[in-house]
Protein backbone atom coordinates (compact mmCIF):
# COMPACT_ATOMS: atom_id res chain seq x y z
CA MET A 1 -135.24 -161.37 53.77
CA ASN A 2 -138.22 -163.19 52.28
CA LYS A 3 -140.86 -161.11 50.59
CA ALA A 4 -144.10 -160.91 52.61
CA LYS A 5 -146.89 -163.12 51.35
CA SER A 6 -149.43 -161.19 49.32
CA VAL A 7 -152.72 -160.43 51.06
CA ALA A 8 -154.48 -159.93 47.71
CA PRO A 9 -156.22 -163.35 47.47
CA VAL A 10 -157.67 -163.09 50.98
CA LEU A 11 -158.80 -159.49 50.47
CA LEU A 12 -160.40 -160.44 47.16
CA ILE A 13 -162.44 -163.18 48.83
CA PHE A 14 -163.66 -160.83 51.57
CA PHE A 15 -164.46 -158.14 49.03
CA LEU A 16 -166.42 -160.52 46.79
CA ILE A 17 -168.52 -161.62 49.77
CA PHE A 18 -169.21 -157.97 50.64
CA TRP A 19 -169.91 -157.06 47.00
CA LEU A 20 -172.34 -159.95 46.53
CA ALA A 21 -174.19 -159.04 49.73
CA LEU A 22 -174.71 -155.47 48.52
CA ALA A 23 -175.59 -156.65 45.01
CA ILE A 24 -178.70 -158.47 46.21
CA ASN A 25 -181.04 -155.52 46.55
CA PRO A 26 -179.47 -152.17 45.59
CA LEU A 27 -181.58 -149.04 45.90
CA HIS A 28 -181.57 -148.43 42.13
CA ARG A 29 -180.52 -151.42 40.02
CA ASN A 30 -179.79 -149.44 36.83
CA ILE A 31 -177.44 -147.07 38.67
CA TRP A 32 -175.84 -150.03 40.44
CA PHE A 33 -174.96 -151.53 37.03
CA ALA A 34 -173.51 -148.24 35.78
CA GLU A 35 -171.46 -147.67 38.93
CA ASN A 36 -169.99 -151.19 38.87
CA ILE A 37 -168.76 -151.33 35.28
CA ILE A 38 -165.44 -149.58 35.96
CA LEU A 39 -164.96 -151.43 39.25
CA ILE A 40 -165.39 -154.82 37.57
CA VAL A 41 -163.00 -153.88 34.76
CA CYS A 42 -160.31 -152.72 37.23
CA ILE A 43 -160.59 -155.76 39.49
CA SER A 44 -160.47 -158.03 36.43
CA TYR A 45 -157.24 -156.28 35.43
CA LEU A 46 -155.72 -156.87 38.87
CA VAL A 47 -156.70 -160.55 38.83
CA PHE A 48 -155.50 -161.14 35.27
CA TYR A 49 -152.07 -159.59 35.86
CA TYR A 50 -151.61 -160.92 39.39
CA PRO A 51 -149.38 -163.87 38.29
CA SER A 52 -146.98 -161.51 36.50
CA TYR A 53 -147.16 -158.38 38.63
CA GLN A 54 -148.09 -157.88 42.26
CA PHE A 55 -148.49 -154.66 44.21
CA SER A 56 -147.33 -154.24 47.79
CA ASN A 57 -149.60 -155.39 50.60
CA THR A 58 -150.10 -151.74 51.55
CA SER A 59 -151.43 -151.04 48.06
CA TYR A 60 -153.79 -154.01 48.18
CA TRP A 61 -155.18 -152.83 51.50
CA LEU A 62 -155.74 -149.34 50.11
CA ILE A 63 -157.44 -150.76 47.01
CA PHE A 64 -159.62 -152.93 49.23
CA VAL A 65 -160.79 -149.97 51.33
CA PHE A 66 -161.59 -147.92 48.23
CA CYS A 67 -163.54 -150.79 46.66
CA ILE A 68 -165.60 -151.11 49.86
CA LEU A 69 -166.46 -147.38 49.74
CA GLN A 70 -167.32 -147.57 46.04
CA THR A 71 -169.52 -150.63 46.57
CA ILE A 72 -171.45 -148.87 49.32
CA GLY A 73 -171.95 -145.86 47.04
CA ALA A 74 -173.17 -148.06 44.21
CA HIS A 75 -175.61 -149.87 46.48
CA TYR A 76 -177.34 -146.75 47.79
CA THR A 77 -176.27 -144.23 45.10
CA TYR A 78 -173.75 -141.75 46.41
CA ALA A 79 -176.32 -139.09 47.23
CA GLU A 80 -178.34 -141.47 49.42
CA VAL A 81 -175.76 -143.30 51.53
CA PRO A 82 -177.10 -143.35 55.13
CA LEU A 83 -173.70 -142.51 56.61
CA GLY A 84 -173.66 -139.29 54.62
CA PHE A 85 -177.09 -138.31 55.95
CA TRP A 86 -176.00 -139.12 59.49
CA VAL A 87 -172.90 -136.89 59.18
CA ALA A 88 -174.97 -134.13 57.57
CA GLU A 89 -177.42 -134.22 60.46
CA LEU A 90 -174.65 -134.37 63.04
CA PHE A 91 -172.90 -131.28 61.69
CA ASP A 92 -176.07 -129.53 60.49
CA ILE A 93 -175.11 -129.39 56.81
CA GLN A 94 -177.46 -129.62 53.86
CA ARG A 95 -175.59 -132.01 51.58
CA ASN A 96 -174.78 -135.71 51.68
CA HIS A 97 -171.00 -135.59 51.25
CA PHE A 98 -170.34 -139.32 50.84
CA ASP A 99 -169.57 -138.78 47.15
CA ARG A 100 -167.02 -136.12 48.07
CA LEU A 101 -165.41 -138.60 50.46
CA VAL A 102 -165.09 -141.24 47.75
CA HIS A 103 -163.60 -138.83 45.19
CA PHE A 104 -161.02 -137.76 47.78
CA ALA A 105 -160.44 -141.39 48.75
CA PHE A 106 -159.85 -142.29 45.11
CA GLY A 107 -156.82 -140.02 45.00
CA PHE A 108 -155.64 -140.75 48.54
CA LEU A 109 -156.04 -144.54 48.43
CA ILE A 110 -155.22 -145.39 44.82
CA VAL A 111 -152.20 -143.18 44.13
CA LEU A 112 -149.78 -145.64 45.78
CA PRO A 113 -150.65 -148.50 43.39
CA PHE A 114 -150.17 -146.06 40.48
CA LYS A 115 -146.86 -144.94 41.95
CA GLU A 116 -145.66 -148.53 42.27
CA ARG A 117 -146.70 -149.43 38.72
CA PHE A 118 -145.34 -146.29 37.08
CA GLY A 119 -142.12 -146.68 39.03
CA LYS A 120 -141.48 -149.89 37.11
CA ILE A 121 -141.85 -148.31 33.68
CA VAL A 122 -141.02 -144.59 34.10
CA ASN A 123 -137.81 -143.11 35.46
CA PHE A 124 -138.82 -139.74 36.93
CA SER A 125 -136.01 -137.17 37.03
CA ASN A 126 -136.83 -136.19 40.62
CA ARG A 127 -139.51 -136.55 43.27
CA SER A 128 -141.21 -133.25 42.45
CA VAL A 129 -141.74 -134.35 38.86
CA GLU A 130 -143.10 -137.69 40.07
CA ILE A 131 -145.59 -136.05 42.46
CA PHE A 132 -146.72 -133.53 39.86
CA THR A 133 -147.20 -136.25 37.24
CA LEU A 134 -149.17 -138.54 39.54
CA VAL A 135 -151.42 -135.73 40.79
CA MET A 136 -152.11 -134.64 37.19
CA ILE A 137 -152.94 -138.24 36.29
CA PHE A 138 -155.54 -138.39 39.05
CA ILE A 139 -157.00 -135.05 38.07
CA GLY A 140 -157.23 -136.40 34.52
CA ILE A 141 -158.88 -139.64 35.61
CA GLY A 142 -161.32 -137.69 37.77
CA ALA A 143 -162.18 -135.41 34.85
CA SER A 144 -162.64 -138.42 32.56
CA TYR A 145 -165.11 -139.94 35.01
CA GLU A 146 -167.06 -136.68 35.14
CA ILE A 147 -167.28 -136.78 31.32
CA LEU A 148 -168.66 -140.32 31.49
CA GLU A 149 -171.26 -139.14 34.00
CA TRP A 150 -172.20 -136.32 31.63
CA TRP A 151 -172.62 -138.77 28.73
CA TYR A 152 -174.78 -141.00 30.92
CA ALA A 153 -176.97 -138.04 31.84
CA VAL A 154 -177.32 -137.04 28.17
CA ILE A 155 -178.26 -140.55 27.06
CA TYR A 156 -180.79 -140.99 29.87
CA GLU A 157 -181.87 -137.36 30.10
CA GLN A 158 -185.53 -138.39 30.24
CA ASP A 159 -184.82 -140.68 33.15
CA SER A 160 -184.62 -139.37 36.71
CA ALA A 161 -181.88 -141.96 37.25
CA SER A 162 -179.47 -139.67 35.40
CA ASN A 163 -179.67 -137.09 38.19
CA MET A 164 -179.16 -139.78 40.83
CA PHE A 165 -176.15 -141.12 38.96
CA LEU A 166 -174.62 -137.64 38.69
CA GLY A 167 -175.20 -137.08 42.40
CA SER A 168 -174.67 -133.33 42.04
CA GLN A 169 -177.43 -132.58 44.56
CA GLY A 170 -178.02 -129.17 43.02
CA ASP A 171 -174.36 -128.05 43.09
CA ILE A 172 -173.45 -126.61 39.68
CA TRP A 173 -169.73 -127.00 40.53
CA ASP A 174 -170.04 -130.61 41.66
CA GLY A 175 -167.87 -132.04 38.89
CA GLU A 176 -165.07 -129.52 39.38
CA LYS A 177 -165.03 -130.10 43.14
CA ASP A 178 -164.89 -133.87 42.65
CA VAL A 179 -161.93 -133.59 40.28
CA PHE A 180 -160.17 -131.22 42.68
CA LEU A 181 -160.67 -133.60 45.62
CA ALA A 182 -159.15 -136.51 43.68
CA GLY A 183 -156.05 -134.42 43.01
CA VAL A 184 -155.84 -133.21 46.62
CA GLY A 185 -156.21 -136.78 47.90
CA ALA A 186 -153.36 -137.99 45.70
CA TRP A 187 -151.12 -135.07 46.73
CA LEU A 188 -151.80 -135.54 50.44
CA PHE A 189 -150.96 -139.24 50.33
CA LEU A 190 -147.72 -138.59 48.45
CA ALA A 191 -146.81 -135.88 50.97
CA PHE A 192 -147.60 -138.29 53.81
CA ALA A 193 -145.65 -141.12 52.17
CA ASN A 194 -142.65 -138.85 51.87
CA THR A 195 -142.39 -138.88 55.66
CA LYS A 196 -142.98 -142.64 55.84
CA LYS A 197 -140.22 -144.19 53.77
CA LYS A 198 -141.59 -147.71 54.22
CA PHE A 199 -144.42 -146.80 51.83
CA LEU A 200 -142.07 -145.80 49.02
């Protein structure tokens, strides 16, 4: 059976069009730059290694969806995404939870590409060890991102942009909740994938 043609080039074109459209007039340009640094580095990695290593089409679709969510968050800042305000008003809640959605989505949508890549270089003794390792990796990545946010806030502590970049919205446990959601997202996808063997 022939391997399915990769959807990555087409998805990259659509994403670049979307990204450029939202790059024209972001709500806060300085935050937009900060939010896009990691995204640009990761996409550059995918493009550079594409000739030698390709993920599954499912992984590329998941990466695409996450990049769309991240781009929307960077354009508005996560605390000011209109969709989050609409949901908050609909359910009568005080907080814009779009940032929570993206932290959860990071674990849920990106764990499969990690699983595919690590599967090529690490031989896990059993599935439980694999799930535990991947979930811990996502908790670690989430915590690392929270540290970067903290450093940004310290460097620009005189700038109100630091609070917008943090997006804590007054929640003193914002960072811990974000890290937790990334881990939960990764665990839920792996649990779901376990019942859908075509993803594995």
